[in-house]
């Protein structure tokens, strides 16, 4: 165990995957880091705050769909499945689905262990008869589901349009991995954000209160804290850009001046206006979302969308 400079407080060793991804990402041209590393405890808290912002339509739109279509889910999915949620976070939307499908167990998966355990305890209290079996891990990597759900039919739940954070090839790979993990006769309920007006999209990722900017900049604070970095927090600003060719919003950390900094003992330089590409959020049309699911081994069977066509929930099966 590492110790702090005053040798009194224990300090966790850095995650080797975090170190590898950040070093590799900062060594690229252009620089880019995986969005999964946003989600330390502070990042998870900031993301939950983002979901309550007036500009951020996906969460409230998806939540309304989950509230409204409970009877449809019950009819299409049935009861008694193990619900496996990928990237569960606070699980705020999950109770609507659990009430509708009366599952045999609930397995939330998230990379932020402290955040996951707190949310799981809260959910277990709200559903006292339901086994809640949290799994701390990266759903992009190798996972093992709890033995307690062996033999149960499974429903994967992947809300929030997280699939849009991945390049299409990686999204297909993830869908195939979910197919293998969930097994035969599995179903998947997945959220996908629709293509829409550019200004509305940009405001959703660059809110007036600056919460999304704080979420993006928190990655710098995490690098400094966990990887002995000395990146200047005042050396970067948040940028949200619509890439029309790739139908995606991009989040960047832009250097406001020439920078020279260190991470994990390695030296890096950035020119003024150079950026670190920290996240993409792909948006889908109706045809594209079906093609993506089919490429990943899933056959779409039902879809629910709001009246304005902002967001879709799609039910697919193996």
Foldseek 3Di string as FASTA:
>chain_A
DDADPVRPDDDDAFDVVQQVQQVVQQPDVQHAGEQLLLDAPVLLVLVVVLLPDPLAPQNVFVLVLLQPCLQVCCVVPPEAAEEEEEQCRLVPSVVSNCVSHVYQAYEYEHQHVVRQVVSQVVVCVVVVVHHYHYDHDHLLDDDADDPVRPPGQYEYEYEDLVLQFDDLVSSLVSLLVVDVRRDAFHKYKYKAFAQDDPVSVQCSQCPPVCSNFCSVLVSVVCQCVNFVKDDDSVQWTWDWDQDVVQQKIWIKTFGQAWDWMDGNRDIGIDHHRRIYTYTIGHHDDPVRVQVSNVSNPWHWDDKDGDPVRGMIITMTTD
